[in-house]
Amino acid sequence: MMSPEGNFSKLNLELPPAPKPLGVYKPFLIVGNLAYVSGHGTVKSDGSLIIGKVGVDMNVEEAKLAARQVGLAILATLKANLDSLNRIKRVIKVLGMVNATPDFERHPYVINGCSELFAAVWGEENGIGVRSAVGMGSLPDNIPVEIEAVFELL
């Protein structure tokens, strides 16, 4: 069985820079053996953001890719604070928020973009935790997806 770092390397994906807080909060906090990651947005490798409302500016497949990009930003924060994804035992909880039109109903499918990434990194047993996927009328900077997560540390 490959390590989370090995699994991530095999995916040939690029981590964006770990996002800096844009308000009064910590992007990452350890309490006991849990690592909490604040809501992350769609930071790309060049530091810019994927922008737009799902159902107007982008379709469901583009939104799913945006959610994967948020997952990559979360991984960047984990690596910046823990030095290695191997320090994470499992995904506990994911909360995915989708900036979508009122008639959009496929929020869980969009957030699968992040959840599938985590499952590929930590395996299905440890990479899939409990989850909520909800719609929002807007998100900061008009990003399409924001995700926060809780992880168990080794």
Protein backbone atom coordinates (compact mmCIF):
# COMPACT_ATOMS: atom_id res chain seq x y z
CA MET A 1 0.00 0.00 0.00
CA MET A 2 1.37 3.39 -1.02
CA SER A 3 1.67 6.35 1.36
CA PRO A 4 -0.55 9.43 0.95
CA GLU A 5 2.48 11.33 -0.40
CA GLY A 6 3.14 8.51 -2.89
CA ASN A 7 -0.53 8.41 -3.92
CA PHE A 8 -0.52 12.18 -4.49
CA SER A 9 2.67 12.02 -6.57
CA LYS A 10 1.09 9.34 -8.76
CA LEU A 11 -1.81 11.71 -9.59
CA ASN A 12 0.58 14.19 -11.30
CA LEU A 13 -1.33 17.19 -9.93
CA GLU A 14 0.24 20.49 -8.92
CA LEU A 15 -0.42 22.08 -5.55
CA PRO A 16 -1.24 25.78 -5.53
CA PRO A 17 0.39 28.03 -2.95
CA ALA A 18 -1.17 27.57 0.50
CA PRO A 19 -3.75 30.37 0.77
CA LYS A 20 -3.17 33.18 3.26
CA PRO A 21 -6.06 34.29 5.52
CA LEU A 22 -8.19 37.07 4.05
CA GLY A 23 -9.85 37.82 7.39
CA VAL A 24 -9.45 37.32 11.11
CA TYR A 25 -9.04 33.54 11.35
CA LYS A 26 -6.46 30.76 11.27
CA PRO A 27 -6.36 28.68 8.07
CA PHE A 28 -5.20 25.62 10.05
CA LEU A 29 -5.50 24.60 13.70
CA ILE A 30 -4.62 21.45 15.61
CA VAL A 31 -6.76 20.52 18.62
CA GLY A 32 -5.78 17.21 20.21
CA ASN A 33 -5.34 14.75 17.35
CA LEU A 34 -7.58 16.68 14.94
CA ALA A 35 -6.48 19.14 12.27
CA TYR A 36 -9.10 21.71 11.29
CA VAL A 37 -8.79 23.46 7.94
CA SER A 38 -10.77 26.67 7.46
CA GLY A 39 -12.87 27.27 4.38
CA HIS A 40 -10.64 27.27 1.29
CA GLY A 41 -11.40 28.65 -2.14
CA THR A 42 -10.47 27.90 -5.71
CA VAL A 43 -6.80 28.95 -5.65
CA LYS A 44 -4.97 27.98 -8.84
CA SER A 45 -1.24 27.24 -9.15
CA ASP A 46 -0.51 30.83 -10.16
CA GLY A 47 -2.31 32.14 -7.04
CA SER A 48 -5.34 33.43 -8.97
CA LEU A 49 -8.89 32.23 -8.29
CA ILE A 50 -11.42 30.34 -10.36
CA ILE A 51 -14.40 32.73 -10.41
CA GLY A 52 -18.08 32.31 -11.21
CA LYS A 53 -21.51 31.11 -10.15
CA VAL A 54 -22.49 27.54 -11.00
CA GLY A 55 -25.42 27.48 -13.38
CA VAL A 56 -24.56 30.87 -14.89
CA ASP A 57 -20.82 31.18 -15.44
CA MET A 58 -19.91 27.48 -15.42
CA ASN A 59 -21.49 24.08 -15.81
CA VAL A 60 -21.52 21.20 -13.32
CA GLU A 61 -18.37 19.56 -14.74
CA GLU A 62 -16.40 22.82 -14.52
CA ALA A 63 -17.67 23.25 -10.96
CA LYS A 64 -16.54 19.72 -10.06
CA LEU A 65 -13.05 20.58 -11.34
CA ALA A 66 -13.18 23.78 -9.26
CA ALA A 67 -13.97 21.65 -6.18
CA ARG A 68 -10.95 19.47 -6.95
CA GLN A 69 -8.88 22.67 -7.10
CA VAL A 70 -10.17 23.59 -3.63
CA GLY A 71 -9.09 20.13 -2.46
CA LEU A 72 -5.61 20.85 -3.82
CA ALA A 73 -5.54 24.15 -1.89
CA ILE A 74 -6.47 22.24 1.28
CA LEU A 75 -3.66 19.75 0.60
CA ALA A 76 -1.27 22.70 0.17
CA THR A 77 -2.27 24.04 3.59
CA LEU A 78 -1.83 20.59 5.16
CA LYS A 79 1.66 20.24 3.66
CA ALA A 80 2.63 23.79 4.66
CA ASN A 81 1.65 23.12 8.28
CA LEU A 82 2.49 19.42 8.69
CA ASP A 83 5.32 19.05 6.12
CA SER A 84 3.79 15.78 4.86
CA LEU A 85 0.38 14.36 3.97
CA ASN A 86 1.61 11.16 5.65
CA ARG A 87 0.86 12.78 9.04
CA ILE A 88 -2.86 12.56 8.29
CA LYS A 89 -4.54 9.30 9.33
CA ARG A 90 -7.97 9.97 7.84
CA VAL A 91 -10.50 12.48 6.59
CA ILE A 92 -13.14 13.06 9.27
CA LYS A 93 -15.49 15.71 7.80
CA VAL A 94 -15.86 17.80 4.67
CA LEU A 95 -18.26 20.73 4.33
CA GLY A 96 -18.65 21.87 0.74
CA MET A 97 -20.43 25.10 -0.21
CA VAL A 98 -21.42 25.74 -3.82
CA ASN A 99 -22.12 29.25 -5.16
CA ALA A 100 -25.05 28.32 -7.41
CA THR A 101 -28.28 29.52 -8.92
CA PRO A 102 -31.43 28.84 -6.86
CA ASP A 103 -32.55 26.07 -9.24
CA PHE A 104 -29.20 24.18 -9.11
CA GLU A 105 -29.54 20.80 -7.34
CA ARG A 106 -26.30 18.89 -7.92
CA HIS A 107 -24.22 20.23 -5.01
CA PRO A 108 -23.06 16.74 -3.90
CA TYR A 109 -21.81 15.96 -7.42
CA VAL A 110 -19.77 19.19 -7.44
CA ILE A 111 -18.18 18.47 -4.04
CA ASN A 112 -17.26 14.97 -5.29
CA GLY A 113 -14.40 16.77 -7.07
CA CYS A 114 -12.74 17.29 -3.67
CA SER A 115 -13.92 14.02 -2.10
CA GLU A 116 -12.60 11.93 -5.01
CA LEU A 117 -9.21 13.66 -4.65
CA PHE A 118 -9.05 12.88 -0.92
CA ALA A 119 -10.07 9.25 -1.60
CA ALA A 120 -7.25 8.98 -4.16
CA VAL A 121 -4.71 10.37 -1.66
CA TRP A 122 -5.72 8.45 1.50
CA GLY A 123 -7.60 5.50 -0.05
CA GLU A 124 -11.32 4.84 0.19
CA GLU A 125 -11.21 3.66 3.81
CA ASN A 126 -9.39 6.71 5.21
CA GLY A 127 -9.99 9.28 2.48
CA ILE A 128 -13.78 9.37 2.72
CA GLY A 129 -15.33 10.88 5.82
CA VAL A 130 -18.71 12.34 6.64
CA ARG A 131 -19.77 15.22 4.41
CA SER A 132 -22.25 17.98 3.73
CA ALA A 133 -22.70 19.68 0.36
CA VAL A 134 -24.88 22.79 0.33
CA GLY A 135 -25.81 25.64 -1.97
CA MET A 136 -25.07 29.29 -1.24
CA GLY A 137 -26.43 32.47 -2.78
CA SER A 138 -22.89 33.82 -2.98
CA LEU A 139 -19.35 33.12 -1.81
CA PRO A 140 -16.37 35.45 -1.23
CA ASP A 141 -14.91 36.98 -4.42
CA ASN A 142 -17.62 35.13 -6.41
CA ILE A 143 -15.71 31.82 -6.17
CA PRO A 144 -17.83 28.81 -7.20
CA VAL A 145 -16.83 26.52 -4.31
CA GLU A 146 -15.58 26.83 -0.73
CA ILE A 147 -14.67 23.78 1.36
CA GLU A 148 -13.61 23.27 4.96
CA ALA A 149 -12.41 19.96 6.42
CA VAL A 150 -11.36 18.11 9.57
CA PHE A 151 -8.64 15.44 9.57
CA GLU A 152 -7.39 12.94 12.17
CA LEU A 153 -3.64 13.07 12.75
CA LEU A 154 -1.41 10.05 13.25
